[in-house]
Structure formats: structure tokens, C-alpha cells
C-alpha atoms as a PDB file:
ATOM      1  CA  MET A   1       5.527 -10.687   1.130  1.00  0.00           C
ATOM      2  CA  THR A   2       2.081 -12.569   2.294  1.00  0.00           C
ATOM      3  CA  THR A   3       4.020 -14.834   4.199  1.00  0.00           C
ATOM      4  CA  TRP A   4       6.425 -13.963   7.126  1.00  0.00           C
ATOM      5  CA  GLN A   5       9.542 -14.799   5.546  1.00  0.00           C
ATOM      6  CA  GLY A   6       8.495 -12.272   2.632  1.00  0.00           C
ATOM      7  CA  TRP A   7       7.593  -9.492   4.805  1.00  0.00           C
ATOM      8  CA  GLN A   8      10.384  -9.962   7.230  1.00  0.00           C
ATOM      9  CA  HIS A   9      12.789  -9.629   3.895  1.00  0.00           C
ATOM     10  CA  PHE A  10      10.608  -6.298   2.722  1.00  0.00           C
ATOM     11  CA  ALA A  11      10.480  -4.519   5.981  1.00  0.00           C
ATOM     12  CA  THR A  12      14.648  -5.343   6.624  1.00  0.00           C
ATOM     13  CA  THR A  13      16.498  -4.781   3.094  1.00  0.00           C
ATOM     14  CA  PRO A  14      16.955  -0.590   2.904  1.00  0.00           C
ATOM     15  CA  PRO A  15      14.895   1.086   0.159  1.00  0.00           C
ATOM     16  CA  PRO A  16      16.560   2.693  -2.140  1.00  0.00           C
ATOM     17  CA  THR A  17      17.848   5.991  -1.504  1.00  0.00           C
ATOM     18  CA  PRO A  18      18.247   9.093  -4.106  1.00  0.00           C
ATOM     19  CA  PRO A  19      21.643   9.799  -5.307  1.00  0.00           C
ATOM     20  CA  HIS A  20      23.357  12.310  -3.014  1.00  0.00           C
ATOM     21  CA  PRO A  21      25.742  15.400  -4.315  1.00  0.00           C
ATOM     22  CA  GLY A  22      29.444  14.303  -3.779  1.00  0.00           C
ATOM     23  CA  THR A  23      29.084  10.203  -3.949  1.00  0.00           C
ATOM     24  CA  PRO A  24      30.128   7.800  -6.912  1.00  0.00           C
ATOM     25  CA  GLU A  25      28.026   7.528  -9.658  1.00  0.00           C
ATOM     26  CA  ARG A  26      26.525   5.065  -9.887  1.00  0.00           C
ATOM     27  CA  SER A  27      26.444   2.079 -12.968  1.00  0.00           C
ATOM     28  CA  ASP A  28      23.607   1.911 -15.516  1.00  0.00           C
ATOM     29  CA  GLU A  29      22.496  -1.716 -14.165  1.00  0.00           C
ATOM     30  CA  GLU A  30      22.781   0.354 -10.684  1.00  0.00           C
ATOM     31  CA  ARG A  31      20.441   3.205 -11.619  1.00  0.00           C
ATOM     32  CA  LEU A  32      18.068   0.574 -13.723  1.00  0.00           C
ATOM     33  CA  ALA A  33      17.050  -1.252 -10.797  1.00  0.00           C
ATOM     34  CA  TYR A  34      17.107   2.115  -8.695  1.00  0.00           C
ATOM     35  CA  HIS A  35      14.450   3.304 -10.844  1.00  0.00           C
ATOM     36  CA  SER A  36      12.279   0.126 -11.115  1.00  0.00           C
ATOM     37  CA  ALA A  37      12.095   0.169  -7.379  1.00  0.00           C
ATOM     38  CA  PHE A  38      12.361   3.718  -6.716  1.00  0.00           C
ATOM     39  CA  VAL A  39      11.338   5.620  -3.920  1.00  0.00           C
ATOM     40  CA  THR A  40       8.416   5.868  -2.105  1.00  0.00           C
ATOM     41  CA  VAL A  41       6.933   9.635  -2.199  1.00  0.00           C
ATOM     42  CA  ARG A  42       5.618  10.666   1.471  1.00  0.00           C
ATOM     43  CA  THR A  43       2.154  11.747   0.654  1.00  0.00           C
ATOM     44  CA  PRO A  44      -0.843  13.342   2.923  1.00  0.00           C
ATOM     45  CA  ALA A  45      -2.084  10.072   2.954  1.00  0.00           C
ATOM     46  CA  ILE A  46       0.657   8.068   4.168  1.00  0.00           C
ATOM     47  CA  ASP A  47       1.464  11.032   7.006  1.00  0.00           C
ATOM     48  CA  THR A  48      -2.268  10.346   7.875  1.00  0.00           C
ATOM     49  CA  LEU A  49      -2.219   6.975   8.230  1.00  0.00           C
ATOM     50  CA  THR A  50       1.411   6.740  10.228  1.00  0.00           C
ATOM     51  CA  THR A  51      -0.159   9.189  13.119  1.00  0.00           C
ATOM     52  CA  SER A  52      -3.357   6.911  12.928  1.00  0.00           C
ATOM     53  CA  VAL A  53      -2.055   3.469  13.072  1.00  0.00           C
ATOM     54  CA  ARG A  54       0.261   4.627  15.985  1.00  0.00           C
ATOM     55  CA  THR A  55      -2.763   6.620  17.939  1.00  0.00           C
ATOM     56  CA  LEU A  56      -5.049   3.660  17.669  1.00  0.00           C
ATOM     57  CA  MET A  57      -2.330   0.421  18.339  1.00  0.00           C
ATOM     58  CA  ILE A  58      -1.490   2.510  22.041  1.00  0.00           C
ATOM     59  CA  LEU A  59      -5.624   3.015  22.068  1.00  0.00           C
ATOM     60  CA  GLY A  60      -6.410  -0.691  21.818  1.00  0.00           C
ATOM     61  CA  GLY A  61      -3.250  -1.618  23.363  1.00  0.00           C
ATOM     62  CA  HIS A  62      -5.350  -2.634  26.293  1.00  0.00           C
ATOM     63  CA  GLN A  63      -8.398  -3.560  25.203  1.00  0.00           C
ATOM     64  CA  GLN A  64     -10.115  -6.808  26.381  1.00  0.00           C
ATOM     65  CA  THR A  65     -13.770  -6.782  25.532  1.00  0.00           C
ATOM     66  CA  THR A  66     -14.413  -5.512  22.368  1.00  0.00           C
ATOM     67  CA  ALA A  67     -13.089  -5.334  18.771  1.00  0.00           C
ATOM     68  CA  ARG A  68     -10.015  -2.605  18.743  1.00  0.00           C
ATOM     69  CA  PRO A  69     -10.534   0.530  16.316  1.00  0.00           C
ATOM     70  CA  SER A  70      -9.459  -0.059  13.020  1.00  0.00           C
ATOM     71  CA  LEU A  71      -8.755   2.064   9.528  1.00  0.00           C
ATOM     72  CA  ILE A  72      -9.725   1.737   5.820  1.00  0.00           C
ATOM     73  CA  VAL A  73      -7.527   3.011   3.418  1.00  0.00           C
ATOM     74  CA  THR A  74      -9.582   3.663   0.511  1.00  0.00           C
ATOM     75  CA  GLY A  75      -9.779   5.776  -2.703  1.00  0.00           C
ATOM     76  CA  PRO A  76      -9.492   4.390  -6.518  1.00  0.00           C
ATOM     77  CA  ALA A  77      -6.803   2.494  -8.225  1.00  0.00           C
ATOM     78  CA  ALA A  78      -3.433   3.350  -8.465  1.00  0.00           C
ATOM     79  CA  ALA A  79      -3.889   6.672  -5.784  1.00  0.00           C
ATOM     80  CA  GLY A  80      -1.063   4.681  -4.201  1.00  0.00           C
ATOM     81  CA  LYS A  81      -3.293   2.850  -1.322  1.00  0.00           C
ATOM     82  CA  THR A  82      -0.677  -0.490  -1.023  1.00  0.00           C
ATOM     83  CA  THR A  83       2.180   1.831  -1.220  1.00  0.00           C
ATOM     84  CA  ALA A  84       0.716   3.759   1.830  1.00  0.00           C
ATOM     85  CA  LEU A  85       0.415   0.612   3.636  1.00  0.00           C
ATOM     86  CA  LEU A  86       3.080  -1.311   2.939  1.00  0.00           C
ATOM     87  CA  HIS A  87       5.554   2.171   4.296  1.00  0.00           C
ATOM     88  CA  VAL A  88       3.306   1.775   7.581  1.00  0.00           C
ATOM     89  CA  GLY A  89       3.974  -1.917   7.965  1.00  0.00           C
ATOM     90  CA  ARG A  90       7.537  -1.188   7.734  1.00  0.00           C
ATOM     91  CA  ALA A  91       7.900   1.641   9.831  1.00  0.00           C
ATOM     92  CA  CYS A  92       6.327  -0.477  12.504  1.00  0.00           C
ATOM     93  CA  HIS A  93       8.145  -3.582  12.103  1.00  0.00           C
ATOM     94  CA  LEU A  94      11.363  -2.191  12.197  1.00  0.00           C
ATOM     95  CA  ALA A  95      10.117   0.311  15.294  1.00  0.00           C
ATOM     96  CA  HIS A  96       8.765  -2.819  17.067  1.00  0.00           C
ATOM     97  CA  ALA A  97      12.253  -4.898  16.391  1.00  0.00           C
ATOM     98  CA  GLN A  98      14.432  -2.260  17.189  1.00  0.00           C
ATOM     99  CA  GLN A  99      12.312  -1.378  20.697  1.00  0.00           C
ATOM    100  CA  HIS A 100      12.211  -5.020  21.511  1.00  0.00           C
ATOM    101  CA  PRO A 101      14.790  -6.912  20.213  1.00  0.00           C
ATOM    102  CA  PRO A 102      14.796 -10.929  20.163  1.00  0.00           C
ATOM    103  CA  PRO A 103      17.012 -12.695  23.346  1.00  0.00           C
ATOM    104  CA  ALA A 104      20.589 -13.557  22.610  1.00  0.00           C
ATOM    105  CA  ARG A 105      20.849 -17.115  20.513  1.00  0.00           C
ATOM    106  CA  SER A 106      16.758 -16.727  19.431  1.00  0.00           C
ATOM    107  CA  VAL A 107      16.337 -17.845  16.313  1.00  0.00           C
ATOM    108  CA  HIS A 108      12.475 -16.099  16.741  1.00  0.00           C
ATOM    109  CA  ALA A 109      12.717 -12.713  15.265  1.00  0.00           C
ATOM    110  CA  PRO A 110       9.542 -10.724  16.470  1.00  0.00           C
ATOM    111  CA  VAL A 111       6.611 -10.714  14.589  1.00  0.00           C
ATOM    112  CA  PRO A 112       4.626  -7.670  14.620  1.00  0.00           C
ATOM    113  CA  VAL A 113       3.502  -7.019  11.215  1.00  0.00           C
ATOM    114  CA  ALA A 114       0.948  -9.440   9.106  1.00  0.00           C
ATOM    115  CA  TYR A 115       0.391  -8.825   5.588  1.00  0.00           C
ATOM    116  CA  VAL A 116      -2.620 -10.390   4.072  1.00  0.00           C
ATOM    117  CA  LEU A 117      -4.345 -10.226   0.467  1.00  0.00           C
ATOM    118  CA  VAL A 118      -7.933 -11.196   0.316  1.00  0.00           C
ATOM    119  CA  PRO A 119      -8.308 -13.506  -2.646  1.00  0.00           C
ATOM    120  CA  PRO A 120     -10.888 -12.781  -5.105  1.00  0.00           C
ATOM    121  CA  ALA A 121     -14.358 -14.360  -3.947  1.00  0.00           C
ATOM    122  CA  ALA A 122     -12.864 -15.653  -0.744  1.00  0.00           C
ATOM    123  CA  SER A 123     -14.523 -17.911   1.141  1.00  0.00           C
ATOM    124  CA  ALA A 124     -14.288 -17.668   4.628  1.00  0.00           C
ATOM    125  CA  LYS A 125     -11.951 -20.876   5.174  1.00  0.00           C
ATOM    126  CA  ALA A 126      -9.825 -19.645   2.284  1.00  0.00           C
ATOM    127  CA  LEU A 127      -9.315 -16.503   3.789  1.00  0.00           C
ATOM    128  CA  ALA A 128      -8.431 -18.020   6.965  1.00  0.00           C
ATOM    129  CA  GLY A 129      -6.272 -20.090   4.992  1.00  0.00           C
ATOM    130  CA  GLU A 130      -4.423 -17.024   4.171  1.00  0.00           C
ATOM    131  CA  PHE A 131      -4.243 -15.990   7.922  1.00  0.00           C
ATOM    132  CA  ALA A 132      -2.790 -19.681   8.608  1.00  0.00           C
ATOM    133  CA  ARG A 133       0.010 -19.568   5.375  1.00  0.00           C
ATOM    134  CA  TYR A 134       1.490 -15.976   6.756  1.00  0.00           C
ATOM    135  CA  LEU A 135       2.658 -17.998   9.861  1.00  0.00           C
ATOM    136  CA  GLY A 136       3.681 -21.069   8.174  1.00  0.00           C
ATOM    137  CA  ILE A 137       0.704 -22.545  10.326  1.00  0.00           C
ATOM    138  CA  PRO A 138      -0.249 -26.224   9.266  1.00  0.00           C
ATOM    139  CA  VAL A 139      -3.529 -26.928   7.694  1.00  0.00           C
ATOM    140  CA  THR A 140      -5.022 -29.889   6.004  1.00  0.00           C
ATOM    141  CA  ALA A 141      -7.885 -30.067   3.971  1.00  0.00           C
ATOM    142  CA  ARG A 142      -9.673 -32.126   7.066  1.00  0.00           C
ATOM    143  CA  MET A 143      -9.556 -29.179   9.109  1.00  0.00           C
ATOM    144  CA  THR A 144     -12.721 -26.896   9.364  1.00  0.00           C
ATOM    145  CA  GLN A 145     -12.726 -23.371   9.427  1.00  0.00           C
ATOM    146  CA  ALA A 146     -13.466 -23.134  12.918  1.00  0.00           C
ATOM    147  CA  GLN A 147     -10.450 -25.275  13.638  1.00  0.00           C
ATOM    148  CA  ILE A 148      -8.274 -22.947  11.171  1.00  0.00           C
ATOM    149  CA  THR A 149      -9.558 -19.670  12.971  1.00  0.00           C
ATOM    150  CA  ASP A 150      -8.388 -21.042  16.388  1.00  0.00           C
ATOM    151  CA  ALA A 151      -5.149 -22.115  15.245  1.00  0.00           C
ATOM    152  CA  VAL A 152      -4.472 -18.781  13.484  1.00  0.00           C
ATOM    153  CA  CYS A 153      -6.387 -16.664  16.619  1.00  0.00           C
ATOM    154  CA  HIS A 154      -3.749 -18.707  19.095  1.00  0.00           C
ATOM    155  CA  THR A 155      -0.635 -18.484  16.797  1.00  0.00           C
ATOM    156  CA  TYR A 156      -0.965 -14.787  15.804  1.00  0.00           C
ATOM    157  CA  ASN A 157      -1.204 -13.739  19.792  1.00  0.00           C
ATOM    158  CA  ARG A 158       1.525 -16.133  20.635  1.00  0.00           C
ATOM    159  CA  ALA A 159       3.548 -14.310  18.124  1.00  0.00           C
ATOM    160  CA  GLY A 160       2.644 -11.120  19.434  1.00  0.00           C
ATOM    161  CA  VAL A 161       1.345  -9.773  16.376  1.00  0.00           C
ATOM    162  CA  ARG A 162       0.483  -6.260  16.968  1.00  0.00           C
ATOM    163  CA  LEU A 163      -0.570  -4.553  13.384  1.00  0.00           C
ATOM    164  CA  VAL A 164      -2.662  -6.821  10.987  1.00  0.00           C
ATOM    165  CA  LEU A 165      -2.719  -5.514   7.295  1.00  0.00           C
ATOM    166  CA  ILE A 166      -5.696  -6.960   5.058  1.00  0.00           C
ATOM    167  CA  ASP A 167      -4.987  -5.457   1.507  1.00  0.00           C
ATOM    168  CA  GLU A 168      -8.068  -5.954  -1.632  1.00  0.00           C
ATOM    169  CA  ILE A 169     -10.635  -5.723   0.674  1.00  0.00           C
ATOM    170  CA  HIS A 170     -13.091  -4.457  -1.773  1.00  0.00           C
ATOM    171  CA  ARG A 171     -13.428  -7.951  -3.246  1.00  0.00           C
ATOM    172  CA  LEU A 172     -15.224  -9.006  -0.168  1.00  0.00           C
ATOM    173  CA  ASN A 173     -19.219  -8.756  -0.896  1.00  0.00           C
ATOM    174  CA  PRO A 174     -21.049  -9.473   2.519  1.00  0.00           C
ATOM    175  CA  ARG A 175     -24.435  -9.573   0.090  1.00  0.00           C
ATOM    176  CA  THR A 176     -23.400 -13.086  -1.144  1.00  0.00           C
ATOM    177  CA  THR A 177     -23.725 -15.940   1.307  1.00  0.00           C
ATOM    178  CA  THR A 178     -19.602 -16.474   0.804  1.00  0.00           C
ATOM    179  CA  GLY A 179     -19.195 -12.689   1.323  1.00  0.00           C
ATOM    180  CA  ALA A 180     -21.572 -12.453   4.478  1.00  0.00           C
ATOM    181  CA  GLU A 181     -19.225 -15.577   6.132  1.00  0.00           C
ATOM    182  CA  THR A 182     -15.967 -14.005   5.220  1.00  0.00           C
ATOM    183  CA  ALA A 183     -16.993 -10.648   6.997  1.00  0.00           C
ATOM    184  CA  ASP A 184     -18.048 -12.304   9.469  1.00  0.00           C
ATOM    185  CA  LEU A 185     -14.470 -14.281   9.784  1.00  0.00           C
ATOM    186  CA  LEU A 186     -12.764 -10.598   9.902  1.00  0.00           C
ATOM    187  CA  LYS A 187     -15.107  -9.417  12.511  1.00  0.00           C
ATOM    188  CA  ASP A 188     -13.685 -12.490  14.688  1.00  0.00           C
ATOM    189  CA  LEU A 189     -10.575 -12.476  14.084  1.00  0.00           C
ATOM    190  CA  THR A 190     -10.922  -8.390  15.116  1.00  0.00           C
ATOM    191  CA  GLU A 191     -12.339  -9.561  18.469  1.00  0.00           C
ATOM    192  CA  ARG A 192      -9.835 -12.480  19.020  1.00  0.00           C
ATOM    193  CA  ILE A 193      -6.809 -10.994  17.527  1.00  0.00           C
ATOM    194  CA  LYS A 194      -4.854  -8.201  19.771  1.00  0.00           C
ATOM    195  CA  ALA A 195      -3.245  -6.300  16.905  1.00  0.00           C
ATOM    196  CA  THR A 196      -4.901  -3.276  15.341  1.00  0.00           C
ATOM    197  CA  PHE A 197      -6.333  -3.940  11.717  1.00  0.00           C
ATOM    198  CA  VAL A 198      -5.982  -1.995   8.533  1.00  0.00           C
ATOM    199  CA  TYR A 199      -7.770  -2.632   5.704  1.00  0.00           C
ATOM    200  CA  ALA A 200      -6.825  -0.998   2.296  1.00  0.00           C
ATOM    201  CA  GLY A 201      -9.245  -1.377  -1.405  1.00  0.00           C
ATOM    202  CA  ILE A 202     -10.443   0.306  -4.224  1.00  0.00           C
ATOM    203  CA  ASP A 203     -13.578   2.871  -3.185  1.00  0.00           C
ATOM    204  CA  VAL A 204     -14.111   0.686  -0.438  1.00  0.00           C
ATOM    205  CA  THR A 205     -17.204   3.494   1.016  1.00  0.00           C
ATOM    206  CA  GLY A 206     -19.357   2.713  -2.164  1.00  0.00           C
ATOM    207  CA  THR A 207     -18.920  -0.958  -2.361  1.00  0.00           C
ATOM    208  CA  ALA A 208     -21.517  -3.559  -0.481  1.00  0.00           C
ATOM    209  CA  LEU A 209     -18.988  -3.686   2.887  1.00  0.00           C
ATOM    210  CA  PHE A 210     -20.891  -0.437   4.117  1.00  0.00           C
ATOM    211  CA  SER A 211     -24.447  -1.680   3.540  1.00  0.00           C
ATOM    212  CA  GLY A 212     -26.665  -4.029   5.779  1.00  0.00           C
ATOM    213  CA  VAL A 213     -25.875  -4.836   9.405  1.00  0.00           C
ATOM    214  CA  ARG A 214     -22.570  -5.457   8.731  1.00  0.00           C
ATOM    215  CA  GLY A 215     -21.491  -2.347   6.989  1.00  0.00           C
ATOM    216  CA  ALA A 216     -23.144  -1.102  10.036  1.00  0.00           C
ATOM    217  CA  GLN A 217     -20.832  -2.383  12.254  1.00  0.00           C
ATOM    218  CA  LEU A 218     -17.411  -2.338  10.050  1.00  0.00           C
ATOM    219  CA  ALA A 219     -18.495   1.843   9.781  1.00  0.00           C
ATOM    220  CA  ALA A 220     -18.863   2.107  13.482  1.00  0.00           C
ATOM    221  CA  ARG A 221     -15.204   0.596  14.670  1.00  0.00           C
ATOM    222  CA  ALA A 222     -12.887   1.965  11.552  1.00  0.00           C
ATOM    223  CA  SER A 223     -11.760   5.511  10.205  1.00  0.00           C
ATOM    224  CA  LEU A 224     -11.353   6.245   6.891  1.00  0.00           C
ATOM    225  CA  VAL A 225      -7.946   7.423   5.142  1.00  0.00           C
ATOM    226  CA  GLU A 226      -8.688   8.263   1.683  1.00  0.00           C
ATOM    227  CA  CYS A 227      -5.803   8.267  -0.592  1.00  0.00           C
ATOM    228  CA  GLY A 228      -7.754  10.293  -3.919  1.00  0.00           C
ATOM    229  CA  ALA A 229      -6.086  12.092  -6.883  1.00  0.00           C
ATOM    230  CA  PHE A 230      -4.024  15.029  -6.356  1.00  0.00           C
ATOM    231  CA  PRO A 231      -5.502  18.625  -7.080  1.00  0.00           C
ATOM    232  CA  ALA A 232      -4.018  20.192  -9.559  1.00  0.00           C
ATOM    233  CA  ARG A 233      -4.993  22.625  -7.236  1.00  0.00           C
ATOM    234  CA  LEU A 234      -6.322  22.981  -3.821  1.00  0.00           C
ATOM    235  CA  GLY A 235      -6.361  26.886  -2.280  1.00  0.00           C
ATOM    236  CA  LYS A 236      -3.135  28.954  -3.316  1.00  0.00           C
ATOM    237  CA  ARG A 237      -1.098  25.520  -2.859  1.00  0.00           C
ATOM    238  CA  GLU A 238      -0.594  23.298  -6.082  1.00  0.00           C
ATOM    239  CA  PRO A 239      -0.360  19.960  -4.563  1.00  0.00           C
ATOM    240  CA  PHE A 240       0.576  17.632  -7.828  1.00  0.00           C
ATOM    241  CA  ARG A 241       2.873  20.183  -8.983  1.00  0.00           C
ATOM    242  CA  GLU A 242       4.406  19.455  -5.549  1.00  0.00           C
ATOM    243  CA  LEU A 243       4.080  15.728  -5.807  1.00  0.00           C
ATOM    244  CA  ILE A 244       5.827  16.012  -9.228  1.00  0.00           C
ATOM    245  CA  ALA A 245       8.897  17.859  -7.788  1.00  0.00           C
ATOM    246  CA  GLY A 246       9.441  15.356  -5.186  1.00  0.00           C
ATOM    247  CA  VAL A 247       9.494  12.468  -7.749  1.00  0.00           C
ATOM    248  CA  GLU A 248      11.869  14.897 -10.156  1.00  0.00           C
ATOM    249  CA  ALA A 249      14.328  15.302  -7.142  1.00  0.00           C
ATOM    250  CA  ALA A 250      14.495  11.364  -6.572  1.00  0.00           C
ATOM    251  CA  LEU A 251      15.463  10.796 -10.316  1.00  0.00           C
ATOM    252  CA  ASP A 252      19.275   9.614 -11.482  1.00  0.00           C
ATOM    253  CA  LEU A 253      19.811  10.593 -14.577  1.00  0.00           C
ATOM    254  CA  ARG A 254      22.835  11.880 -15.723  1.00  0.00           C
ATOM    255  CA  THR A 255      21.530  15.160 -18.077  1.00  0.00           C
ATOM    256  CA  HIS A 256      17.949  15.847 -16.534  1.00  0.00           C
ATOM    257  CA  ARG A 257      17.762  19.222 -15.995  1.00  0.00           C
ATOM    258  CA  ALA A 258      15.759  19.820 -12.980  1.00  0.00           C
ATOM    259  CA  GLY A 259      12.482  21.764 -12.985  1.00  0.00           C
ATOM    260  CA  THR A 260      11.748  20.197 -16.667  1.00  0.00           C
ATOM    261  CA  LEU A 261       8.868  17.893 -15.379  1.00  0.00           C
ATOM    262  CA  VAL A 262       7.241  20.657 -12.996  1.00  0.00           C
ATOM    263  CA  ARG A 263       6.795  23.116 -15.824  1.00  0.00           C
ATOM    264  CA  HIS A 264       4.822  20.012 -17.594  1.00  0.00           C
ATOM    265  CA  ALA A 265       2.318  19.681 -14.235  1.00  0.00           C
ATOM    266  CA  SER A 266      -0.787  20.673 -16.250  1.00  0.00           C
ATOM    267  CA  TYR A 267       0.480  17.416 -19.100  1.00  0.00           C
ATOM    268  CA  LEU A 268       1.100  15.537 -16.282  1.00  0.00           C
ATOM    269  CA  HIS A 269      -2.030  15.559 -14.582  1.00  0.00           C
ATOM    270  CA  GLN A 270      -3.966  15.356 -17.767  1.00  0.00           C
ATOM    271  CA  ARG A 271      -1.968  12.178 -18.678  1.00  0.00           C
ATOM    272  CA  THR A 272      -2.435  10.849 -15.414  1.00  0.00           C
ATOM    273  CA  ALA A 273      -5.714  11.884 -13.855  1.00  0.00           C
ATOM    274  CA  GLY A 274      -3.564  13.089 -10.859  1.00  0.00           C
ATOM    275  CA  ARG A 275      -2.852   9.774  -9.757  1.00  0.00           C
ATOM    276  CA  ILE A 276       0.348   8.974  -7.926  1.00  0.00           C
ATOM    277  CA  GLY A 277       0.607   5.226  -9.351  1.00  0.00           C
ATOM    278  CA  SER A 278      -0.170   6.770 -12.581  1.00  0.00           C
ATOM    279  CA  LEU A 279       2.325   9.382 -12.523  1.00  0.00           C
ATOM    280  CA  THR A 280       5.287   7.560 -10.942  1.00  0.00           C
ATOM    281  CA  ARG A 281       5.251   4.398 -13.335  1.00  0.00           C
ATOM    282  CA  LEU A 282       5.281   7.256 -16.381  1.00  0.00           C
ATOM    283  CA  ILE A 283       7.971   9.008 -14.871  1.00  0.00           C
ATOM    284  CA  ARG A 284      10.316   5.813 -14.026  1.00  0.00           C
ATOM    285  CA  GLN A 285       9.979   4.038 -17.219  1.00  0.00           C
ATOM    286  CA  ALA A 286      10.979   7.726 -19.430  1.00  0.00           C
ATOM    287  CA  ALA A 287      13.893   7.251 -17.072  1.00  0.00           C
ATOM    288  CA  ILE A 288      14.295   3.883 -17.829  1.00  0.00           C
ATOM    289  CA  ALA A 289      13.934   4.631 -21.081  1.00  0.00           C
ATOM    290  CA  ALA A 290      16.588   7.678 -21.096  1.00  0.00           C
ATOM    291  CA  ILE A 291      19.249   5.336 -19.631  1.00  0.00           C
ATOM    292  CA  LEU A 292      18.954   2.787 -22.181  1.00  0.00           C
ATOM    293  CA  ASP A 293      19.056   5.016 -24.926  1.00  0.00           C
ATOM    294  CA  GLY A 294      21.623   7.374 -23.860  1.00  0.00           C
ATOM    295  CA  THR A 295      19.657  10.649 -23.478  1.00  0.00           C
ATOM    296  CA  GLU A 296      19.907  10.516 -19.389  1.00  0.00           C
ATOM    297  CA  ARG A 297      16.773  13.410 -19.516  1.00  0.00           C
ATOM    298  CA  ILE A 298      13.058  13.153 -20.103  1.00  0.00           C
ATOM    299  CA  THR A 299      11.328  15.692 -21.849  1.00  0.00           C
ATOM    300  CA  LYS A 300       7.871  16.269 -23.076  1.00  0.00           C
ATOM    301  CA  THR A 301       8.224  14.278 -26.095  1.00  0.00           C
ATOM    302  CA  SER A 302      10.014  11.252 -24.517  1.00  0.00           C
ATOM    303  CA  LEU A 303       6.843  11.219 -21.790  1.00  0.00           C
ATOM    304  CA  ASP A 304       4.369  11.467 -24.744  1.00  0.00           C
ATOM    305  CA  ALA A 305       6.382   7.812 -26.104  1.00  0.00           C
ATOM    306  CA  ILE A 306       5.317   6.246 -23.363  1.00  0.00           C
ATOM    307  CA  ARG A 307       2.520   3.736 -22.859  1.00  0.00           C
ATOM    308  CA  ILE A 308       1.433   3.856 -18.720  1.00  0.00           C
ATOM    309  CA  ASP A 309      -2.104   2.007 -17.231  1.00  0.00           C
ATOM    310  CA  HIS A 310      -5.050   1.618 -19.104  1.00  0.00           C
ATOM    311  CA  LEU A 311      -6.790   3.563 -16.850  1.00  0.00           C
ATOM    312  CA  ALA A 312      -4.705   6.517 -17.216  1.00  0.00           C
ATOM    313  CA  GLU A 313      -4.210   6.620 -21.224  1.00  0.00           C
ATOM    314  CA  THR A 314      -8.319   6.180 -21.225  1.00  0.00           C
ATOM    315  CA  HIS A 315      -8.416   9.379 -18.971  1.00  0.00           C
ATOM    316  CA  HIS A 316      -6.077  11.069 -21.545  1.00  0.00           C
ATOM    317  CA  HIS A 317      -7.563   9.975 -24.880  1.00  0.00           C
ATOM    318  CA  THR A 318     -11.330  11.051 -23.454  1.00  0.00           C
ATOM    319  CA  LYS A 319     -10.248  14.982 -22.157  1.00  0.00           C
ATOM    320  CA  PRO A 320     -11.962  17.517 -24.490  1.00  0.00           C
ATOM    321  CA  GLY A 321      -8.744  18.110 -27.019  1.00  0.00           C
ATOM    322  CA  ASN A 322      -7.419  15.334 -26.757  1.00  0.00           C
ATOM    323  CA  ARG A 323      -9.563  12.923 -28.687  1.00  0.00           C
ATOM    324  CA  PRO A 324      -7.764  11.210 -31.955  1.00  0.00           C
ATOM    325  CA  ARG A 325      -9.644  12.741 -35.141  1.00  0.00           C
END
């Protein structure tokens, strides 16, 4: 998705849909593919991000003199940051394409959204190259960073990019010379490209991104959207149980009993530390195993047999009562 062609394919491909009563049963292969891709479960963070992006795109739409206000999606690993980012990007892409269809016989589709990953230890020139690669802007080894940046800003504005999504922002460290130059490049791009910038990264507020003069500038321009772990209880509500119910309702298993996973909410919270990424991985893997072995249902025993990401497993096994004896 870090090229326009890849992003356009992602944004225009219909997302997976859960089974509907009265429709024909899907084959095993179709259901395996469905649980592999799976649905995007709406979360408060996705709703907040959707509203905030729409508002800031309008707010910054006619701003000329300074950088437009931006957003930062932050939170721990496996908390759903990238999922939220992509969900909002797809929605923006589809809405823009519907409102501004290309002229008849035009070979150029609208380019409302750009999606860029920050490379590890990225230099400013390398990051500028990633922006160029997204739109297929020719870059040669002899080109300077300033030349690449000029080409990027000109092409992005000409293509009508309105939303720029930058993932893995925590990889930037402005305390190093290379990181500082890269952070300055991002500031330059936000001022020259007529788009709203949305960043996503792991626990961004605890990194060097918010320290020093550069950090103060970023903090003054960016609002935070938190993608945190789901608490077991929040006042009278049980957010994690509600999340499980949403995931369970989307399963496509032939003999699974509805409510089974909800009854194991405490166990699942312990297994996943309340992280949506770890939860959906665990349940999706269990669903795929249930199709492959023919049981067609998920139980606590089958969940116990699934190994998921090391972060969640480490949390689970260090909990009191779960340490191996």
C-alpha cells in the first residue's frame, strides 16, 4: 500500500463481510480466506479518528500561511493504530472518489490519499524518496534532497492529495542529526503540501518526538488520538466484553455457540492484555484451526492451544497464577 497502485487496490477492494442469515454457506476455502482478512471491528478510537480527520481536513482546507493542524495516533503495540489509520484512509478515498469522479475517458483517477511508512533510521533524503515512490515520481542518485522534496510537493499538490498518512513515526529520533533532519523534512512537507497529515506510532508521547524545540512545534500543531488497551471495566460498562461480542458476531463457523467467547472475557483479557490486535489474532487463528480440524467451534481448550504474539504471551505467563511451575 506504499504505492498509489497498491493503495488504490486496497481502498477500492470491498472489505470482508460477515455471514448474513439466509445467504448460502461459504466453502471452507472462502471461510479460511475470510478469517485471514477478517472484518474491521469499529472501536472508539476509529470513531474519534474519523471525526477528527474530517474536521481537520475542513479546518485546514483553505489555510495558506502556516502548516495545517495534524493528528497523531498513538498507543502500545497491537492496539489497532494502523488498522484505524487505514480504515480512515479508505473512507476518505472512497468519499472523495464519489464526490469528484474523474472526467469521462480520463486515465487519471483522483489521488486523495497518500500512505507512507517511515523507514528504520530514515534519513531525510530516504523519507523524501518514500514520498516520491508512492506516486512514482522519478528519482535519481544524483538528485539532492531539496530536488526530491520540490518534486514531491509539486506532484502531490498537482495530484490533489488531501490526506497524508505516515505510519511508524516512532522510528524518528530528533535527538540524532539524521533524525532531526528528517523531522525538519516532515515539517517542511506539512507546510508545502496542501493536505492534512496524520501520523501513527508506538507510544509517541514517550519518545523523543515530543522533546526539545522540534517536539514543542509538533505538540503545538498535532492533536492526539489514543489507541489504548481495552479495560475490562470502565464505570458500569465492560468495554473489552463489548469488543469480544463484536468479534464473535463476525465469525463464520458452522457449530460455534454465540456467547462462548463473551463468557471467557476475563481469560481473553488476561491472554491479550486487552489489546485488540492480539485479541483478533487469537480468535482468527482459533477460527482457522476450527475449520481445518472440522470442529467448527472455538472453546477455551482450543484457545489455549493457540500461540499468538510474544508480547501478549509474555504478559499472560507473567501474570500471578499463570507462571509455569
